[in-house]
Amino acid sequence: MAARDVDGVHIETALGDITRERVDAIVNAANASLLGGGGVDGAIHRAGGPEILAACRVLRETVLPDGLPTGDAVATTAGSLSARFVIHTVGPVWAGSGDRRPLLASCYARSLQVAGEVGAASVAFPAVSAGVYGWPMDDAARVAVSTVLSAATAVSGLELVRFVLYSETALAEFDSALAAA
């Protein structure tokens, strides 16, 4: 596990289950529908209970009738999770051609911006797009770490950003990216 402090914001990595994090906001690697899915998205919806899905349905019926755009983020209740909020973000699917890194970076930057809007002092991130969306873990880690290092200090009141990784391999990539940044 690696750690770094940047202008009053502690940034660290951890191996674990993001649904068990005791932070103000947990970031969900959601799909555009916001109605649950597999991987991190499914785990957060299952652990948080029906309140999260209900909040997502309200968003779809009101401000997001076409779903959440890739690279954007929105907050809902965290239901029965320890966190107060779930920040849903839609990562890009890996493509061998064309540079989609700006969309991936936007997931992290927008999630931090939303965290600031809801007053979150601590945020836990998964490796957005590095699961079923196929993004190579080493590149996903570099994009995530560099974006958080540059965007976190702009969020008023933010004290902690934790990357919560599901495997030793993912943890090693994020540790390496944080050490190299």
N, C-alpha and C. Protein backbone atom coordinates (compact mmCIF):
# COMPACT_ATOMS: atom_id res chain seq x y z
N MET A 1 0.84 -1.18 0.00
CA MET A 1 0.00 0.00 0.00
C MET A 1 0.89 1.25 0.00
N ALA A 2 0.56 2.15 -0.88
CA ALA A 2 1.33 3.38 -1.03
C ALA A 2 0.50 4.56 -0.54
N ALA A 3 1.19 5.64 -0.20
CA ALA A 3 0.49 6.84 0.26
C ALA A 3 1.30 8.07 -0.11
N ARG A 4 0.59 9.17 -0.24
CA ARG A 4 1.21 10.45 -0.57
C ARG A 4 0.31 11.58 -0.11
N ASP A 5 0.92 12.65 0.37
CA ASP A 5 0.16 13.84 0.76
C ASP A 5 0.43 14.95 -0.25
N VAL A 6 -0.65 15.58 -0.70
CA VAL A 6 -0.55 16.67 -1.66
C VAL A 6 -1.41 17.82 -1.16
N ASP A 7 -0.76 18.88 -0.73
CA ASP A 7 -1.45 20.09 -0.28
C ASP A 7 -2.62 19.79 0.67
N GLY A 8 -2.37 18.96 1.66
CA GLY A 8 -3.38 18.67 2.67
C GLY A 8 -4.33 17.53 2.35
N VAL A 9 -4.18 16.91 1.19
CA VAL A 9 -5.01 15.77 0.82
C VAL A 9 -4.15 14.51 0.88
N HIS A 10 -4.59 13.54 1.67
CA HIS A 10 -3.88 12.26 1.79
C HIS A 10 -4.43 11.31 0.72
N ILE A 11 -3.54 10.79 -0.12
CA ILE A 11 -3.94 9.88 -1.19
C ILE A 11 -3.26 8.55 -0.91
N GLU A 12 -4.05 7.47 -0.90
CA GLU A 12 -3.50 6.17 -0.55
C GLU A 12 -4.16 5.06 -1.35
N THR A 13 -3.52 3.89 -1.31
CA THR A 13 -4.07 2.70 -1.93
C THR A 13 -4.37 1.68 -0.85
N ALA A 14 -5.31 0.79 -1.13
CA ALA A 14 -5.65 -0.28 -0.18
C ALA A 14 -6.22 -1.46 -0.96
N LEU A 15 -5.99 -2.64 -0.42
CA LEU A 15 -6.58 -3.86 -0.97
C LEU A 15 -7.86 -4.12 -0.19
N GLY A 16 -8.97 -4.33 -0.88
CA GLY A 16 -10.19 -4.59 -0.13
C GLY A 16 -11.46 -4.54 -0.94
N ASP A 17 -12.55 -4.50 -0.20
CA ASP A 17 -13.91 -4.46 -0.74
C ASP A 17 -14.44 -3.05 -0.58
N ILE A 18 -14.63 -2.35 -1.67
CA ILE A 18 -15.04 -0.95 -1.61
C ILE A 18 -16.38 -0.76 -0.89
N THR A 19 -17.23 -1.78 -0.88
CA THR A 19 -18.52 -1.64 -0.22
C THR A 19 -18.38 -1.58 1.30
N ARG A 20 -17.22 -1.91 1.83
CA ARG A 20 -17.00 -1.89 3.28
C ARG A 20 -16.23 -0.67 3.74
N GLU A 21 -15.95 0.23 2.84
CA GLU A 21 -15.18 1.43 3.19
C GLU A 21 -15.98 2.38 4.06
N ARG A 22 -15.32 2.91 5.08
CA ARG A 22 -15.92 3.91 5.97
C ARG A 22 -15.40 5.29 5.55
N VAL A 23 -16.00 5.79 4.49
CA VAL A 23 -15.66 7.10 3.94
C VAL A 23 -16.97 7.84 3.69
N ASP A 24 -16.86 9.13 3.39
CA ASP A 24 -18.08 9.90 3.10
C ASP A 24 -18.72 9.49 1.78
N ALA A 25 -17.88 9.18 0.78
CA ALA A 25 -18.42 8.85 -0.55
C ALA A 25 -17.65 7.69 -1.16
N ILE A 26 -18.38 6.76 -1.73
CA ILE A 26 -17.82 5.64 -2.48
C ILE A 26 -18.15 5.89 -3.95
N VAL A 27 -17.15 5.76 -4.80
CA VAL A 27 -17.37 5.94 -6.23
C VAL A 27 -17.75 4.59 -6.85
N ASN A 28 -18.80 4.61 -7.63
CA ASN A 28 -19.30 3.43 -8.31
C ASN A 28 -18.92 3.48 -9.78
N ALA A 29 -18.26 2.44 -10.26
CA ALA A 29 -17.99 2.30 -11.69
C ALA A 29 -19.28 1.79 -12.33
N ALA A 30 -20.16 2.72 -12.63
CA ALA A 30 -21.52 2.41 -13.09
C ALA A 30 -21.60 2.24 -14.60
N ASN A 31 -22.74 1.78 -15.05
CA ASN A 31 -23.03 1.83 -16.48
C ASN A 31 -23.97 3.00 -16.71
N ALA A 32 -24.16 3.38 -17.93
CA ALA A 32 -24.93 4.58 -18.26
C ALA A 32 -26.37 4.53 -17.76
N SER A 33 -26.94 3.35 -17.63
CA SER A 33 -28.33 3.24 -17.20
C SER A 33 -28.52 3.60 -15.74
N LEU A 34 -27.47 3.48 -14.94
CA LEU A 34 -27.50 3.70 -13.48
C LEU A 34 -28.39 2.69 -12.76
N LEU A 35 -28.79 1.64 -13.42
CA LEU A 35 -29.75 0.71 -12.82
C LEU A 35 -29.10 -0.59 -12.35
N GLY A 36 -27.81 -0.55 -12.06
CA GLY A 36 -27.11 -1.73 -11.56
C GLY A 36 -26.49 -2.51 -12.69
N GLY A 37 -25.63 -3.42 -12.32
CA GLY A 37 -24.94 -4.23 -13.32
C GLY A 37 -24.05 -5.23 -12.61
N GLY A 38 -22.94 -5.56 -13.23
CA GLY A 38 -22.00 -6.51 -12.66
C GLY A 38 -20.85 -5.80 -11.98
N GLY A 39 -19.86 -6.57 -11.56
CA GLY A 39 -18.65 -6.02 -10.97
C GLY A 39 -18.90 -5.10 -9.79
N VAL A 40 -18.15 -4.00 -9.75
CA VAL A 40 -18.27 -3.02 -8.66
C VAL A 40 -19.70 -2.48 -8.60
N ASP A 41 -20.28 -2.19 -9.74
CA ASP A 41 -21.64 -1.64 -9.80
C ASP A 41 -22.64 -2.57 -9.10
N GLY A 42 -22.61 -3.84 -9.46
CA GLY A 42 -23.52 -4.80 -8.84
C GLY A 42 -23.27 -4.96 -7.37
N ALA A 43 -22.00 -4.99 -6.97
CA ALA A 43 -21.64 -5.14 -5.56
C ALA A 43 -22.16 -3.96 -4.73
N ILE A 44 -22.01 -2.75 -5.25
CA ILE A 44 -22.48 -1.56 -4.53
C ILE A 44 -24.00 -1.57 -4.42
N HIS A 45 -24.69 -1.89 -5.49
CA HIS A 45 -26.15 -1.95 -5.44
C HIS A 45 -26.64 -3.03 -4.47
N ARG A 46 -26.00 -4.20 -4.47
CA ARG A 46 -26.40 -5.27 -3.55
C ARG A 46 -26.14 -4.88 -2.10
N ALA A 47 -24.96 -4.36 -1.83
CA ALA A 47 -24.59 -4.03 -0.45
C ALA A 47 -25.36 -2.81 0.07
N GLY A 48 -25.67 -1.87 -0.80
CA GLY A 48 -26.35 -0.65 -0.38
C GLY A 48 -27.85 -0.78 -0.28
N GLY A 49 -28.41 -1.80 -0.91
CA GLY A 49 -29.83 -2.03 -0.82
C GLY A 49 -30.65 -1.24 -1.83
N PRO A 50 -31.97 -1.36 -1.74
CA PRO A 50 -32.87 -0.80 -2.75
C PRO A 50 -32.91 0.72 -2.79
N GLU A 51 -32.43 1.39 -1.75
CA GLU A 51 -32.46 2.87 -1.76
C GLU A 51 -31.60 3.45 -2.87
N ILE A 52 -30.48 2.79 -3.16
CA ILE A 52 -29.61 3.30 -4.23
C ILE A 52 -30.30 3.18 -5.58
N LEU A 53 -30.88 2.04 -5.85
CA LEU A 53 -31.60 1.85 -7.12
C LEU A 53 -32.77 2.82 -7.23
N ALA A 54 -33.48 3.03 -6.15
CA ALA A 54 -34.61 3.97 -6.16
C ALA A 54 -34.12 5.38 -6.49
N ALA A 55 -33.01 5.79 -5.91
CA ALA A 55 -32.46 7.12 -6.19
C ALA A 55 -32.02 7.23 -7.65
N CYS A 56 -31.43 6.16 -8.16
CA CYS A 56 -31.00 6.16 -9.57
C CYS A 56 -32.20 6.23 -10.50
N ARG A 57 -33.27 5.56 -10.15
CA ARG A 57 -34.48 5.61 -10.98
C ARG A 57 -35.06 7.03 -11.02
N VAL A 58 -35.02 7.72 -9.89
CA VAL A 58 -35.49 9.11 -9.86
C VAL A 58 -34.64 9.97 -10.80
N LEU A 59 -33.32 9.78 -10.76
CA LEU A 59 -32.45 10.53 -11.67
C LEU A 59 -32.81 10.25 -13.12
N ARG A 60 -33.07 8.99 -13.46
CA ARG A 60 -33.42 8.63 -14.83
C ARG A 60 -34.76 9.22 -15.25
N GLU A 61 -35.68 9.33 -14.31
CA GLU A 61 -37.01 9.87 -14.61
C GLU A 61 -37.01 11.39 -14.69
N THR A 62 -35.97 12.03 -14.16
CA THR A 62 -35.95 13.49 -14.10
C THR A 62 -34.80 14.08 -14.92
N VAL A 63 -33.63 14.20 -14.33
CA VAL A 63 -32.53 14.94 -14.96
C VAL A 63 -31.66 14.13 -15.92
N LEU A 64 -31.75 12.79 -15.88
CA LEU A 64 -30.91 11.96 -16.75
C LEU A 64 -31.75 10.93 -17.53
N PRO A 65 -32.73 11.40 -18.32
CA PRO A 65 -33.59 10.45 -19.02
C PRO A 65 -32.84 9.56 -20.02
N ASP A 66 -31.71 10.04 -20.53
CA ASP A 66 -30.93 9.25 -21.48
C ASP A 66 -29.77 8.52 -20.82
N GLY A 67 -29.71 8.57 -19.49
CA GLY A 67 -28.62 7.93 -18.77
C GLY A 67 -27.48 8.89 -18.49
N LEU A 68 -26.51 8.43 -17.74
CA LEU A 68 -25.35 9.24 -17.38
C LEU A 68 -24.29 9.12 -18.47
N PRO A 69 -23.86 10.25 -19.03
CA PRO A 69 -22.85 10.19 -20.09
C PRO A 69 -21.50 9.67 -19.59
N THR A 70 -20.77 9.03 -20.46
CA THR A 70 -19.42 8.56 -20.15
C THR A 70 -18.56 9.74 -19.72
N GLY A 71 -17.84 9.55 -18.61
CA GLY A 71 -16.96 10.59 -18.09
C GLY A 71 -17.61 11.53 -17.10
N ASP A 72 -18.92 11.43 -16.93
CA ASP A 72 -19.62 12.30 -16.00
C ASP A 72 -19.85 11.56 -14.68
N ALA A 73 -20.38 12.27 -13.69
CA ALA A 73 -20.63 11.69 -12.37
C ALA A 73 -21.83 12.35 -11.72
N VAL A 74 -22.49 11.58 -10.84
CA VAL A 74 -23.65 12.07 -10.12
C VAL A 74 -23.72 11.33 -8.78
N ALA A 75 -24.23 12.00 -7.75
CA ALA A 75 -24.30 11.40 -6.42
C ALA A 75 -25.72 10.97 -6.07
N THR A 76 -25.79 9.88 -5.29
CA THR A 76 -27.05 9.43 -4.70
C THR A 76 -26.78 9.06 -3.25
N THR A 77 -27.84 8.68 -2.57
CA THR A 77 -27.69 8.10 -1.25
C THR A 77 -26.81 6.86 -1.33
N ALA A 78 -26.27 6.45 -0.19
CA ALA A 78 -25.49 5.21 -0.14
C ALA A 78 -26.30 4.08 0.47
N GLY A 79 -27.58 4.32 0.72
CA GLY A 79 -28.42 3.27 1.27
C GLY A 79 -27.87 2.76 2.59
N SER A 80 -27.69 1.46 2.69
CA SER A 80 -27.22 0.87 3.94
C SER A 80 -25.70 0.71 4.01
N LEU A 81 -24.96 1.30 3.07
CA LEU A 81 -23.50 1.30 3.13
C LEU A 81 -23.04 2.22 4.26
N SER A 82 -21.81 2.07 4.70
CA SER A 82 -21.25 2.96 5.73
C SER A 82 -21.06 4.37 5.22
N ALA A 83 -20.87 4.53 3.93
CA ALA A 83 -20.70 5.85 3.33
C ALA A 83 -22.02 6.62 3.37
N ARG A 84 -21.92 7.93 3.20
CA ARG A 84 -23.13 8.76 3.11
C ARG A 84 -23.63 8.87 1.68
N PHE A 85 -22.70 8.77 0.71
CA PHE A 85 -23.05 8.96 -0.69
C PHE A 85 -22.39 7.89 -1.56
N VAL A 86 -23.05 7.60 -2.68
CA VAL A 86 -22.42 6.86 -3.77
C VAL A 86 -22.33 7.85 -4.92
N ILE A 87 -21.12 7.99 -5.46
CA ILE A 87 -20.92 8.83 -6.63
C ILE A 87 -20.77 7.89 -7.82
N HIS A 88 -21.74 7.93 -8.70
CA HIS A 88 -21.76 7.05 -9.87
C HIS A 88 -21.02 7.74 -11.01
N THR A 89 -20.12 7.02 -11.66
CA THR A 89 -19.43 7.54 -12.83
C THR A 89 -19.38 6.45 -13.89
N VAL A 90 -19.45 6.86 -15.13
CA VAL A 90 -19.44 5.91 -16.24
C VAL A 90 -18.11 6.01 -16.96
N GLY A 91 -17.31 4.96 -16.84
CA GLY A 91 -16.02 4.93 -17.50
C GLY A 91 -16.15 4.51 -18.95
N PRO A 92 -15.13 4.85 -19.74
CA PRO A 92 -15.13 4.43 -21.14
C PRO A 92 -14.72 2.97 -21.28
N VAL A 93 -15.20 2.34 -22.31
CA VAL A 93 -14.76 1.00 -22.67
C VAL A 93 -13.42 1.14 -23.38
N TRP A 94 -12.46 0.27 -23.04
CA TRP A 94 -11.15 0.30 -23.68
C TRP A 94 -11.29 0.07 -25.18
N ALA A 95 -10.59 0.86 -25.95
CA ALA A 95 -10.55 0.69 -27.40
C ALA A 95 -9.10 0.78 -27.83
N GLY A 96 -8.67 -0.14 -28.65
CA GLY A 96 -7.30 -0.15 -29.12
C GLY A 96 -6.95 1.04 -29.99
N SER A 97 -7.95 1.68 -30.55
CA SER A 97 -7.69 2.84 -31.40
C SER A 97 -8.37 4.07 -30.80
N GLY A 98 -7.78 5.21 -31.02
CA GLY A 98 -8.31 6.45 -30.47
C GLY A 98 -7.96 6.59 -29.00
N ASP A 99 -7.69 7.78 -28.58
CA ASP A 99 -7.30 8.01 -27.20
C ASP A 99 -8.52 8.37 -26.36
N ARG A 100 -8.95 7.42 -25.53
CA ARG A 100 -10.11 7.63 -24.67
C ARG A 100 -9.69 8.00 -23.24
N ARG A 101 -8.39 8.24 -23.04
CA ARG A 101 -7.89 8.60 -21.71
C ARG A 101 -8.57 9.85 -21.15
N PRO A 102 -8.85 10.88 -21.96
CA PRO A 102 -9.54 12.06 -21.40
C PRO A 102 -10.90 11.71 -20.77
N LEU A 103 -11.61 10.75 -21.35
CA LEU A 103 -12.88 10.33 -20.76
C LEU A 103 -12.66 9.62 -19.42
N LEU A 104 -11.63 8.78 -19.35
CA LEU A 104 -11.32 8.10 -18.09
C LEU A 104 -10.89 9.12 -17.04
N ALA A 105 -10.05 10.04 -17.41
CA ALA A 105 -9.62 11.08 -16.48
C ALA A 105 -10.81 11.89 -15.99
N SER A 106 -11.75 12.16 -16.87
CA SER A 106 -12.95 12.92 -16.50
C SER A 106 -13.76 12.20 -15.43
N CYS A 107 -13.78 10.87 -15.45
CA CYS A 107 -14.49 10.11 -14.41
C CYS A 107 -13.98 10.47 -13.03
N TYR A 108 -12.66 10.53 -12.90
CA TYR A 108 -12.05 10.84 -11.61
C TYR A 108 -12.23 12.31 -11.25
N ALA A 109 -11.99 13.20 -12.21
CA ALA A 109 -12.13 14.63 -11.94
C ALA A 109 -13.56 15.01 -11.59
N ARG A 110 -14.51 14.51 -12.37
CA ARG A 110 -15.93 14.83 -12.10
C ARG A 110 -16.39 14.21 -10.78
N SER A 111 -15.92 13.00 -10.47
CA SER A 111 -16.29 12.38 -9.20
C SER A 111 -15.78 13.22 -8.03
N LEU A 112 -14.57 13.74 -8.13
CA LEU A 112 -14.04 14.60 -7.07
C LEU A 112 -14.83 15.91 -6.99
N GLN A 113 -15.21 16.44 -8.13
CA GLN A 113 -16.02 17.67 -8.13
C GLN A 113 -17.36 17.42 -7.45
N VAL A 114 -18.00 16.31 -7.76
CA VAL A 114 -19.27 15.97 -7.12
C VAL A 114 -19.07 15.73 -5.62
N ALA A 115 -17.97 15.11 -5.25
CA ALA A 115 -17.66 14.91 -3.83
C ALA A 115 -17.60 16.26 -3.12
N GLY A 116 -16.99 17.24 -3.74
CA GLY A 116 -16.94 18.57 -3.16
C GLY A 116 -18.32 19.19 -3.04
N GLU A 117 -19.16 18.97 -4.05
CA GLU A 117 -20.51 19.53 -4.04
C GLU A 117 -21.36 18.98 -2.90
N VAL A 118 -21.14 17.71 -2.54
CA VAL A 118 -21.93 17.10 -1.46
C VAL A 118 -21.24 17.21 -0.11
N GLY A 119 -20.05 17.83 -0.09
CA GLY A 119 -19.34 18.04 1.17
C GLY A 119 -18.59 16.84 1.69
N ALA A 120 -18.18 15.94 0.82
CA ALA A 120 -17.44 14.75 1.25
C ALA A 120 -15.99 15.11 1.55
N ALA A 121 -15.52 14.69 2.70
CA ALA A 121 -14.11 14.90 3.07
C ALA A 121 -13.26 13.68 2.71
N SER A 122 -13.89 12.54 2.50
CA SER A 122 -13.16 11.31 2.17
C SER A 122 -13.89 10.56 1.07
N VAL A 123 -13.10 10.05 0.11
CA VAL A 123 -13.66 9.39 -1.07
C VAL A 123 -12.87 8.11 -1.35
N ALA A 124 -13.58 7.03 -1.68
CA ALA A 124 -12.95 5.77 -2.09
C ALA A 124 -13.29 5.50 -3.55
N PHE A 125 -12.25 5.22 -4.33
CA PHE A 125 -12.40 4.93 -5.76
C PHE A 125 -12.05 3.48 -6.05
N PRO A 126 -12.78 2.84 -6.98
CA PRO A 126 -12.32 1.58 -7.56
C PRO A 126 -11.43 1.90 -8.75
N ALA A 127 -10.97 0.90 -9.45
CA ALA A 127 -10.23 1.08 -10.70
C ALA A 127 -11.25 1.18 -11.83
N VAL A 128 -11.72 2.39 -12.08
CA VAL A 128 -12.77 2.63 -13.08
C VAL A 128 -12.30 2.14 -14.45
N SER A 129 -13.16 1.42 -15.14
CA SER A 129 -12.98 0.89 -16.49
C SER A 129 -11.99 -0.27 -16.59
N ALA A 130 -11.35 -0.67 -15.47
CA ALA A 130 -10.31 -1.70 -15.54
C ALA A 130 -10.85 -3.12 -15.32
N GLY A 131 -12.16 -3.26 -15.18
CA GLY A 131 -12.76 -4.58 -15.05
C GLY A 131 -13.32 -5.02 -16.38
N VAL A 132 -14.64 -5.18 -16.42
CA VAL A 132 -15.32 -5.68 -17.61
C VAL A 132 -15.15 -4.73 -18.81
N TYR A 133 -14.85 -3.45 -18.56
CA TYR A 133 -14.66 -2.52 -19.67
C TYR A 133 -13.30 -2.66 -20.32
N GLY A 134 -12.43 -3.51 -19.77
CA GLY A 134 -11.22 -3.94 -20.44
C GLY A 134 -10.02 -3.02 -20.44
N TRP A 135 -10.04 -1.93 -19.68
CA TRP A 135 -8.91 -1.01 -19.69
C TRP A 135 -7.71 -1.69 -19.04
N PRO A 136 -6.53 -1.64 -19.66
CA PRO A 136 -5.34 -2.26 -19.06
C PRO A 136 -5.05 -1.62 -17.69
N MET A 137 -4.84 -2.46 -16.68
CA MET A 137 -4.71 -1.98 -15.31
C MET A 137 -3.57 -0.98 -15.13
N ASP A 138 -2.44 -1.20 -15.78
CA ASP A 138 -1.32 -0.27 -15.60
C ASP A 138 -1.68 1.12 -16.11
N ASP A 139 -2.32 1.20 -17.25
CA ASP A 139 -2.71 2.50 -17.80
C ASP A 139 -3.85 3.12 -16.99
N ALA A 140 -4.80 2.30 -16.57
CA ALA A 140 -5.91 2.80 -15.74
C ALA A 140 -5.36 3.42 -14.46
N ALA A 141 -4.36 2.77 -13.87
CA ALA A 141 -3.75 3.29 -12.63
C ALA A 141 -3.05 4.62 -12.88
N ARG A 142 -2.30 4.72 -13.96
CA ARG A 142 -1.60 5.98 -14.26
C ARG A 142 -2.59 7.13 -14.47
N VAL A 143 -3.65 6.88 -15.23
CA VAL A 143 -4.65 7.92 -15.48
C VAL A 143 -5.33 8.32 -14.17
N ALA A 144 -5.72 7.33 -13.37
CA ALA A 144 -6.41 7.61 -12.11
C ALA A 144 -5.54 8.43 -11.17
N VAL A 145 -4.32 7.97 -10.96
CA VAL A 145 -3.42 8.64 -10.01
C VAL A 145 -3.07 10.05 -10.48
N SER A 146 -2.72 10.22 -11.74
CA SER A 146 -2.34 11.55 -12.21
C SER A 146 -3.52 12.52 -12.14
N THR A 147 -4.71 12.04 -12.45
CA THR A 147 -5.89 12.91 -12.39
C THR A 147 -6.20 13.30 -10.95
N VAL A 148 -6.18 12.33 -10.05
CA VAL A 148 -6.49 12.63 -8.65
C VAL A 148 -5.44 13.58 -8.07
N LEU A 149 -4.17 13.35 -8.38
CA LEU A 149 -3.13 14.24 -7.86
C LEU A 149 -3.33 15.68 -8.32
N SER A 150 -3.80 15.86 -9.54
CA SER A 150 -3.98 17.23 -10.03
C SER A 150 -5.33 17.84 -9.67
N ALA A 151 -6.35 17.01 -9.46
CA ALA A 151 -7.70 17.54 -9.21
C ALA A 151 -8.09 17.60 -7.75
N ALA A 152 -7.49 16.78 -6.90
CA ALA A 152 -7.94 16.68 -5.50
C ALA A 152 -7.78 17.97 -4.73
N THR A 153 -6.73 18.71 -4.99
CA THR A 153 -6.47 19.93 -4.21
C THR A 153 -7.47 21.04 -4.53
N ALA A 154 -8.20 20.92 -5.63
CA ALA A 154 -9.20 21.93 -5.98
C ALA A 154 -10.53 21.70 -5.26
N VAL A 155 -10.66 20.57 -4.54
CA VAL A 155 -11.91 20.24 -3.87
C VAL A 155 -11.85 20.73 -2.43
N SER A 156 -12.65 21.72 -2.13
CA SER A 156 -12.67 22.30 -0.79
C SER A 156 -13.09 21.26 0.25
N GLY A 157 -12.31 21.13 1.30
CA GLY A 157 -12.65 20.22 2.39
C GLY A 157 -12.24 18.78 2.21
N LEU A 158 -11.70 18.43 1.05
CA LEU A 158 -11.29 17.06 0.80
C LEU A 158 -10.01 16.76 1.59
N GLU A 159 -10.03 15.66 2.34
CA GLU A 159 -8.89 15.27 3.17
C GLU A 159 -8.27 13.94 2.74
N LEU A 160 -9.09 13.01 2.21
CA LEU A 160 -8.62 11.67 1.91
C LEU A 160 -9.20 11.15 0.61
N VAL A 161 -8.31 10.61 -0.23
CA VAL A 161 -8.73 9.84 -1.41
C VAL A 161 -8.05 8.49 -1.29
N ARG A 162 -8.86 7.45 -1.33
CA ARG A 162 -8.33 6.08 -1.23
C ARG A 162 -8.73 5.30 -2.47
N PHE A 163 -7.75 4.69 -3.12
CA PHE A 163 -8.02 3.77 -4.22
C PHE A 163 -8.15 2.39 -3.59
N VAL A 164 -9.32 1.80 -3.67
CA VAL A 164 -9.58 0.49 -3.07
C VAL A 164 -9.60 -0.53 -4.20
N LEU A 165 -8.59 -1.40 -4.20
CA LEU A 165 -8.39 -2.34 -5.29
C LEU A 165 -8.76 -3.75 -4.86
N TYR A 166 -9.27 -4.50 -5.79
CA TYR A 166 -9.84 -5.81 -5.52
C TYR A 166 -8.84 -6.96 -5.62
N SER A 167 -7.65 -6.69 -6.14
CA SER A 167 -6.66 -7.78 -6.30
C SER A 167 -5.26 -7.25 -6.01
N GLU A 168 -4.36 -8.17 -5.69
CA GLU A 168 -2.96 -7.82 -5.45
C GLU A 168 -2.35 -7.20 -6.72
N THR A 169 -2.74 -7.71 -7.87
CA THR A 169 -2.23 -7.19 -9.14
C THR A 169 -2.65 -5.73 -9.33
N ALA A 170 -3.91 -5.45 -9.10
CA ALA A 170 -4.40 -4.08 -9.24
C ALA A 170 -3.72 -3.17 -8.22
N LEU A 171 -3.59 -3.64 -6.99
CA LEU A 171 -2.93 -2.86 -5.95
C LEU A 171 -1.50 -2.53 -6.35
N ALA A 172 -0.78 -3.51 -6.88
CA ALA A 172 0.61 -3.28 -7.29
C ALA A 172 0.69 -2.22 -8.38
N GLU A 173 -0.23 -2.23 -9.32
CA GLU A 173 -0.23 -1.23 -10.40
C GLU A 173 -0.51 0.17 -9.86
N PHE A 174 -1.46 0.29 -8.94
CA PHE A 174 -1.77 1.60 -8.36
C PHE A 174 -0.64 2.07 -7.45
N ASP A 175 -0.04 1.16 -6.70
CA ASP A 175 1.12 1.51 -5.87
C ASP A 175 2.25 2.05 -6.74
N SER A 176 2.50 1.37 -7.84
CA SER A 176 3.56 1.78 -8.77
C SER A 176 3.26 3.16 -9.37
N ALA A 177 2.03 3.37 -9.77
CA ALA A 177 1.65 4.66 -10.36
C ALA A 177 1.78 5.79 -9.34
N LEU A 178 1.39 5.53 -8.10
CA LEU A 178 1.48 6.56 -7.07
C LEU A 178 2.93 6.86 -6.72
N ALA A 179 3.76 5.84 -6.69
CA ALA A 179 5.19 6.02 -6.39
C ALA A 179 5.89 6.80 -7.52
N ALA A 180 5.47 6.57 -8.76
CA ALA A 180 6.12 7.19 -9.90
C ALA A 180 5.63 8.63 -10.18
N ALA A 181 4.50 8.97 -9.63
CA ALA A 181 3.90 10.28 -9.94
C ALA A 181 4.63 11.43 -9.26
